[in-house]
C-alpha atoms as a PDB file:
ATOM      1  CA  MET A   1      12.972  -8.042  25.581  1.00  0.00           C
ATOM      2  CA  ILE A   2      11.415  -5.546  27.957  1.00  0.00           C
ATOM      3  CA  SER A   3      13.201  -2.263  28.281  1.00  0.00           C
ATOM      4  CA  ARG A   4      14.966  -1.674  31.579  1.00  0.00           C
ATOM      5  CA  SER A   5      12.749   1.359  32.314  1.00  0.00           C
ATOM      6  CA  PHE A   6       9.676  -0.930  32.354  1.00  0.00           C
ATOM      7  CA  SER A   7      11.248  -3.702  34.389  1.00  0.00           C
ATOM      8  CA  THR A   8       8.889  -3.375  37.367  1.00  0.00           C
ATOM      9  CA  SER A   9       5.134  -3.829  37.287  1.00  0.00           C
ATOM     10  CA  ARG A  10       4.618  -0.433  38.966  1.00  0.00           C
ATOM     11  CA  ARG A  11       6.385   1.294  36.056  1.00  0.00           C
ATOM     12  CA  ARG A  12       4.397  -0.691  33.494  1.00  0.00           C
ATOM     13  CA  VAL A  13       1.106   0.193  35.184  1.00  0.00           C
ATOM     14  CA  THR A  14       2.134   3.856  35.388  1.00  0.00           C
ATOM     15  CA  ALA A  15       3.056   3.885  31.706  1.00  0.00           C
ATOM     16  CA  VAL A  16      -0.238   2.269  30.703  1.00  0.00           C
ATOM     17  CA  LEU A  17      -2.221   4.746  32.823  1.00  0.00           C
ATOM     18  CA  MET A  18      -0.342   7.684  31.321  1.00  0.00           C
ATOM     19  CA  VAL A  19      -1.036   6.476  27.779  1.00  0.00           C
ATOM     20  CA  MET A  20      -4.712   5.948  28.618  1.00  0.00           C
ATOM     21  CA  ALA A  21      -4.941   9.450  30.116  1.00  0.00           C
ATOM     22  CA  ALA A  22      -3.359  10.929  26.985  1.00  0.00           C
ATOM     23  CA  VAL A  23      -5.842   9.082  24.744  1.00  0.00           C
ATOM     24  CA  VAL A  24      -8.802  10.265  26.829  1.00  0.00           C
ATOM     25  CA  ALA A  25      -7.521  13.859  26.859  1.00  0.00           C
ATOM     26  CA  PHE A  26      -7.014  13.901  23.088  1.00  0.00           C
ATOM     27  CA  GLY A  27     -10.400  12.276  22.490  1.00  0.00           C
ATOM     28  CA  SER A  28     -12.251  14.801  24.617  1.00  0.00           C
ATOM     29  CA  TRP A  29     -10.393  17.675  22.914  1.00  0.00           C
ATOM     30  CA  ALA A  30     -11.213  16.299  19.467  1.00  0.00           C
ATOM     31  CA  LEU A  31     -14.911  15.786  20.223  1.00  0.00           C
ATOM     32  CA  TRP A  32     -15.540  19.054  22.085  1.00  0.00           C
ATOM     33  CA  PRO A  33     -17.631  21.451  19.955  1.00  0.00           C
ATOM     34  CA  VAL A  34     -16.014  24.764  19.007  1.00  0.00           C
ATOM     35  CA  TYR A  35     -17.311  28.184  18.040  1.00  0.00           C
ATOM     36  CA  ASP A  36     -17.252  29.316  14.436  1.00  0.00           C
ATOM     37  CA  SER A  37     -13.848  30.876  13.722  1.00  0.00           C
ATOM     38  CA  SER A  38     -15.426  33.990  12.191  1.00  0.00           C
ATOM     39  CA  CYS A  39     -17.093  34.917  15.462  1.00  0.00           C
ATOM     40  CA  ALA A  40     -15.424  36.815  18.285  1.00  0.00           C
ATOM     41  CA  VAL A  41     -17.773  37.665  21.138  1.00  0.00           C
ATOM     42  CA  TYR A  42     -17.005  40.178  23.859  1.00  0.00           C
ATOM     43  CA  SER A  43     -19.495  40.332  26.685  1.00  0.00           C
ATOM     44  CA  GLY A  44     -19.501  44.094  27.119  1.00  0.00           C
ATOM     45  CA  ALA A  45     -20.450  43.503  30.724  1.00  0.00           C
ATOM     46  CA  TYR A  46     -18.560  44.712  33.758  1.00  0.00           C
ATOM     47  CA  ILE A  47     -17.016  41.724  35.477  1.00  0.00           C
ATOM     48  CA  PRO A  48     -14.803  42.354  38.514  1.00  0.00           C
ATOM     49  CA  MET A  49     -11.341  40.802  38.437  1.00  0.00           C
ATOM     50  CA  ASN A  50     -12.121  38.729  41.522  1.00  0.00           C
ATOM     51  CA  ALA A  51     -15.446  37.440  40.144  1.00  0.00           C
ATOM     52  CA  PRO A  52     -15.860  33.671  40.133  1.00  0.00           C
ATOM     53  CA  LYS A  53     -15.053  31.904  36.881  1.00  0.00           C
ATOM     54  CA  ALA A  54     -18.646  30.717  36.614  1.00  0.00           C
ATOM     55  CA  GLU A  55     -19.869  34.334  36.589  1.00  0.00           C
ATOM     56  CA  ALA A  56     -17.431  35.333  33.832  1.00  0.00           C
ATOM     57  CA  ASP A  57     -18.325  32.252  31.791  1.00  0.00           C
ATOM     58  CA  ALA A  58     -22.037  33.037  32.190  1.00  0.00           C
ATOM     59  CA  ALA A  59     -21.510  36.606  30.908  1.00  0.00           C
ATOM     60  CA  VAL A  60     -19.647  35.327  27.841  1.00  0.00           C
ATOM     61  CA  GLN A  61     -22.336  32.690  27.227  1.00  0.00           C
ATOM     62  CA  ARG A  62     -25.077  35.343  27.415  1.00  0.00           C
ATOM     63  CA  ALA A  63     -23.197  37.508  24.895  1.00  0.00           C
ATOM     64  CA  TYR A  64     -22.718  34.527  22.577  1.00  0.00           C
ATOM     65  CA  ASP A  65     -26.404  33.597  22.827  1.00  0.00           C
ATOM     66  CA  LYS A  66     -27.357  37.188  21.931  1.00  0.00           C
ATOM     67  CA  ALA A  67     -24.947  37.232  18.961  1.00  0.00           C
ATOM     68  CA  LEU A  68     -26.311  33.870  17.826  1.00  0.00           C
ATOM     69  CA  ALA A  69     -29.913  35.146  18.049  1.00  0.00           C
ATOM     70  CA  ASP A  70     -28.955  38.313  16.115  1.00  0.00           C
ATOM     71  CA  GLY A  71     -27.362  36.191  13.369  1.00  0.00           C
ATOM     72  CA  ALA A  72     -23.869  37.607  13.938  1.00  0.00           C
ATOM     73  CA  CYS A  73     -22.391  34.197  14.796  1.00  0.00           C
ATOM     74  CA  GLY A  74     -22.946  30.672  13.674  1.00  0.00           C
ATOM     75  CA  PRO A  75     -23.718  27.784  16.026  1.00  0.00           C
ATOM     76  CA  LYS A  76     -21.059  25.601  17.601  1.00  0.00           C
ATOM     77  CA  ARG A  77     -19.699  22.928  15.303  1.00  0.00           C
ATOM     78  CA  GLU A  78     -17.557  19.824  15.486  1.00  0.00           C
ATOM     79  CA  ARG A  79     -13.817  20.477  15.649  1.00  0.00           C
ATOM     80  CA  PHE A  80     -13.162  18.159  12.711  1.00  0.00           C
ATOM     81  CA  HIS A  81     -15.895  18.325  10.107  1.00  0.00           C
ATOM     82  CA  SER A  82     -16.261  17.772   6.414  1.00  0.00           C
ATOM     83  CA  TRP A  83     -14.788  20.751   4.555  1.00  0.00           C
ATOM     84  CA  THR A  84     -16.943  19.972   1.503  1.00  0.00           C
ATOM     85  CA  GLN A  85     -20.166  21.133   3.137  1.00  0.00           C
END
């Protein structure tokens, strides 16, 4: 028997779309590469408070690239990886 809260097709479609959105969101979070946990990078650059997000992200990326080239940080890795490596 169908629950009363899913008695209309609009509610069923909404519920299915919400579940699909949750699955996609979790999947993208799980597959997104992450930085090594032993690495904290600060850009050291002056970035105004009203600077666009893209400019701030670019400064952090430049600092990370420099730390990676200097050997201070490891490369990005999968969020869930084999702990035996």
